[in-house]
Amino acid sequence: MSKGLLLACLTAGFFGLLGCAPKKTMPAGDLVGVEYTRSGTMAGYEYEGRVQRDSTGAFVLRAMKENYGPLFEKKLTSQDMEKFLQIIKEEKMYLYKESYRPKMEVLDGWGWSFSAYFSDGSRIRSYGSNASPKGSGLGRIYACMNSLIQDGIPVDPSADDNQ
């Protein structure tokens, strides 16, 4: 087989594989949960925010008001959940890679994780260490959580021990 023919076959095969990759799309279900955490060089989360349904089906945000601070809690409305959904759509966060890392090894630094859960069972999960996706999605999710939690009530730390 000639080198030219071999190269043509390999090139065609490579481009064929690229065309077969599944395209990421926005999940079709309703948004039922959102999580965002950020870690620094100290132990524990620098920031933690999680929206989940409680036993009554209500959406509850548990988040920090300040870095490395205690958790606060607040029930959210469907309009609040819509804000998160809009950010995910506008920032195309469903296109995020699963993992972000710098090209060079970093021995100390920061990390983050983001997850969104949908009623159809689909989810978006992404995390990074010393690298993050382009755009403002993570910052906007953080800002939305931070804004919503400002009138939240402190979480009883002993309540977490029973879960």
Protein backbone atom coordinates (compact mmCIF):
# COMPACT_ATOMS: atom_id res chain seq x y z
CA MET A 1 0.00 0.00 0.00
CA SER A 2 1.39 3.41 -0.93
CA LYS A 3 2.15 5.99 1.74
CA GLY A 4 -0.32 8.44 0.17
CA LEU A 5 -3.19 5.94 0.26
CA LEU A 6 -2.36 4.97 3.85
CA LEU A 7 -2.29 8.63 4.90
CA ALA A 8 -5.61 9.28 3.16
CA CYS A 9 -7.24 6.31 4.93
CA LEU A 10 -5.93 7.37 8.32
CA THR A 11 -7.07 10.97 7.78
CA ALA A 12 -10.54 9.88 6.66
CA GLY A 13 -10.82 7.56 9.68
CA PHE A 14 -9.78 10.33 12.06
CA PHE A 15 -12.32 12.81 10.68
CA GLY A 16 -14.96 10.08 10.68
CA LEU A 17 -14.43 9.57 14.40
CA LEU A 18 -14.77 13.29 15.07
CA GLY A 19 -18.11 13.35 13.28
CA CYS A 20 -19.42 10.47 15.40
CA ALA A 21 -18.82 12.17 18.75
CA PRO A 22 -22.11 12.83 20.55
CA LYS A 23 -23.05 16.50 20.69
CA LYS A 24 -23.68 17.90 24.14
CA THR A 25 -27.07 19.54 24.53
CA MET A 26 -28.93 21.26 27.33
CA PRO A 27 -30.78 18.66 29.45
CA ALA A 28 -34.52 18.65 28.78
CA GLY A 29 -35.77 18.08 32.34
CA ASP A 30 -36.55 20.65 35.02
CA LEU A 31 -33.64 21.84 37.15
CA VAL A 32 -33.89 20.12 40.56
CA GLY A 33 -30.48 20.79 42.09
CA VAL A 34 -27.35 22.93 41.79
CA GLU A 35 -24.02 22.67 43.59
CA TYR A 36 -20.96 24.89 43.47
CA THR A 37 -17.88 24.62 45.68
CA ARG A 38 -14.52 26.35 45.67
CA SER A 39 -11.46 25.21 47.59
CA GLY A 40 -8.35 27.16 48.47
CA THR A 41 -5.17 26.18 50.22
CA MET A 42 -6.82 25.88 53.64
CA ALA A 43 -8.71 22.79 54.78
CA GLY A 44 -12.40 22.70 53.97
CA TYR A 45 -14.34 24.61 51.38
CA GLU A 46 -13.55 28.26 50.77
CA TYR A 47 -17.12 28.50 49.47
CA GLU A 48 -19.95 25.97 49.44
CA GLY A 49 -23.42 26.36 47.99
CA ARG A 50 -25.98 23.61 47.33
CA VAL A 51 -29.62 23.67 46.26
CA GLN A 52 -31.52 20.45 46.92
CA ARG A 53 -35.09 19.41 47.56
CA ASP A 54 -36.03 18.72 51.16
CA SER A 55 -38.41 16.00 52.37
CA THR A 56 -41.42 18.20 51.54
CA GLY A 57 -40.26 18.77 47.94
CA ALA A 58 -39.28 22.41 48.55
CA PHE A 59 -36.00 23.73 47.15
CA VAL A 60 -33.53 24.66 49.89
CA LEU A 61 -30.28 26.56 49.41
CA ARG A 62 -27.49 25.91 51.90
CA ALA A 63 -24.55 28.23 51.35
CA MET A 64 -21.86 30.32 52.99
CA LYS A 65 -22.21 34.08 53.22
CA GLU A 66 -18.46 34.54 53.59
CA ASN A 67 -15.37 32.52 52.71
CA TYR A 68 -14.74 29.61 55.10
CA GLY A 69 -17.82 30.72 57.04
CA PRO A 70 -20.75 28.77 58.46
CA LEU A 71 -23.66 27.57 56.34
CA PHE A 72 -26.96 29.40 56.10
CA GLU A 73 -30.23 28.05 54.75
CA LYS A 74 -33.12 29.49 52.77
CA LYS A 75 -36.14 28.05 50.92
CA LEU A 76 -36.20 29.02 47.27
CA THR A 77 -39.04 29.71 44.88
CA SER A 78 -39.46 28.29 41.39
CA GLN A 79 -38.43 31.75 40.11
CA ASP A 80 -35.14 31.41 42.01
CA MET A 81 -34.53 28.04 40.33
CA GLU A 82 -35.30 29.66 36.98
CA LYS A 83 -32.43 32.13 37.61
CA PHE A 84 -29.99 29.23 37.90
CA LEU A 85 -31.42 27.58 34.80
CA GLN A 86 -31.05 30.80 32.80
CA ILE A 87 -27.40 31.11 33.81
CA ILE A 88 -26.71 27.50 32.78
CA LYS A 89 -28.38 28.10 29.39
CA GLU A 90 -26.90 31.55 28.71
CA GLU A 91 -23.37 30.49 29.67
CA LYS A 92 -23.74 27.12 27.90
CA MET A 93 -22.50 25.36 31.04
CA TYR A 94 -23.80 22.06 29.61
CA LEU A 95 -20.78 22.22 27.25
CA TYR A 96 -18.27 22.26 30.11
CA LYS A 97 -15.66 19.53 30.06
CA GLU A 98 -15.70 17.05 32.92
CA SER A 99 -12.28 18.19 34.16
CA TYR A 100 -10.05 21.26 33.85
CA ARG A 101 -6.35 21.18 34.67
CA PRO A 102 -3.43 23.41 33.71
CA LYS A 103 -0.82 22.15 31.25
CA MET A 104 1.90 22.49 33.89
CA GLU A 105 1.85 20.69 37.23
CA VAL A 106 0.78 22.90 40.15
CA LEU A 107 1.48 21.59 43.64
CA ASP A 108 -0.62 24.12 45.52
CA GLY A 109 -3.53 26.22 44.43
CA TRP A 110 -7.29 26.17 44.13
CA GLY A 111 -10.09 23.97 42.91
CA TRP A 112 -13.79 24.09 42.15
CA SER A 113 -16.71 21.82 41.31
CA PHE A 114 -20.08 22.44 39.68
CA SER A 115 -23.06 20.12 39.31
CA ALA A 116 -26.60 20.62 38.05
CA TYR A 117 -29.28 17.92 38.36
CA PHE A 118 -32.41 17.59 36.22
CA SER A 119 -35.76 15.85 36.67
CA ASP A 120 -35.13 13.54 33.69
CA GLY A 121 -32.10 12.05 35.49
CA SER A 122 -29.51 13.93 33.46
CA ARG A 123 -26.81 16.01 35.08
CA ILE A 124 -23.97 18.35 34.33
CA ARG A 125 -20.79 17.75 36.32
CA SER A 126 -17.53 19.59 35.96
CA TYR A 127 -14.56 20.31 38.20
CA GLY A 128 -11.12 21.80 38.00
CA SER A 129 -7.84 22.32 39.71
CA ASN A 130 -6.00 25.57 38.97
CA ALA A 131 -7.93 25.94 35.70
CA SER A 132 -11.51 26.73 34.76
CA PRO A 133 -13.75 27.04 31.69
CA LYS A 134 -14.06 30.24 29.69
CA GLY A 135 -16.99 32.51 30.36
CA SER A 136 -18.73 33.75 33.48
CA GLY A 137 -20.92 30.76 34.35
CA LEU A 138 -19.22 29.77 37.60
CA GLY A 139 -19.02 33.38 38.77
CA ARG A 140 -22.68 33.98 37.95
CA ILE A 141 -23.79 30.81 39.80
CA TYR A 142 -21.75 31.95 42.82
CA ALA A 143 -23.19 35.49 42.65
CA CYS A 144 -26.75 34.16 42.41
CA MET A 145 -26.27 31.85 45.42
CA ASN A 146 -24.57 34.61 47.38
CA SER A 147 -27.37 37.07 46.65
CA LEU A 148 -30.13 34.59 47.57
CA ILE A 149 -28.55 33.44 50.85
CA GLN A 150 -28.11 36.93 52.37
CA ASP A 151 -31.42 36.69 54.26
CA GLY A 152 -30.94 33.00 55.10
CA ILE A 153 -30.90 31.61 58.62
CA PRO A 154 -27.90 29.85 60.21
CA VAL A 155 -27.81 26.07 59.81
CA ASP A 156 -27.73 24.14 63.07
CA PRO A 157 -24.45 22.16 62.79
CA SER A 158 -25.87 19.34 64.93
CA ALA A 159 -28.66 18.82 62.34
CA ASP A 160 -26.03 17.68 59.82
CA ASP A 161 -24.87 14.93 62.16
CA ASN A 162 -28.27 13.20 61.94
CA GLN A 163 -28.35 12.99 58.11
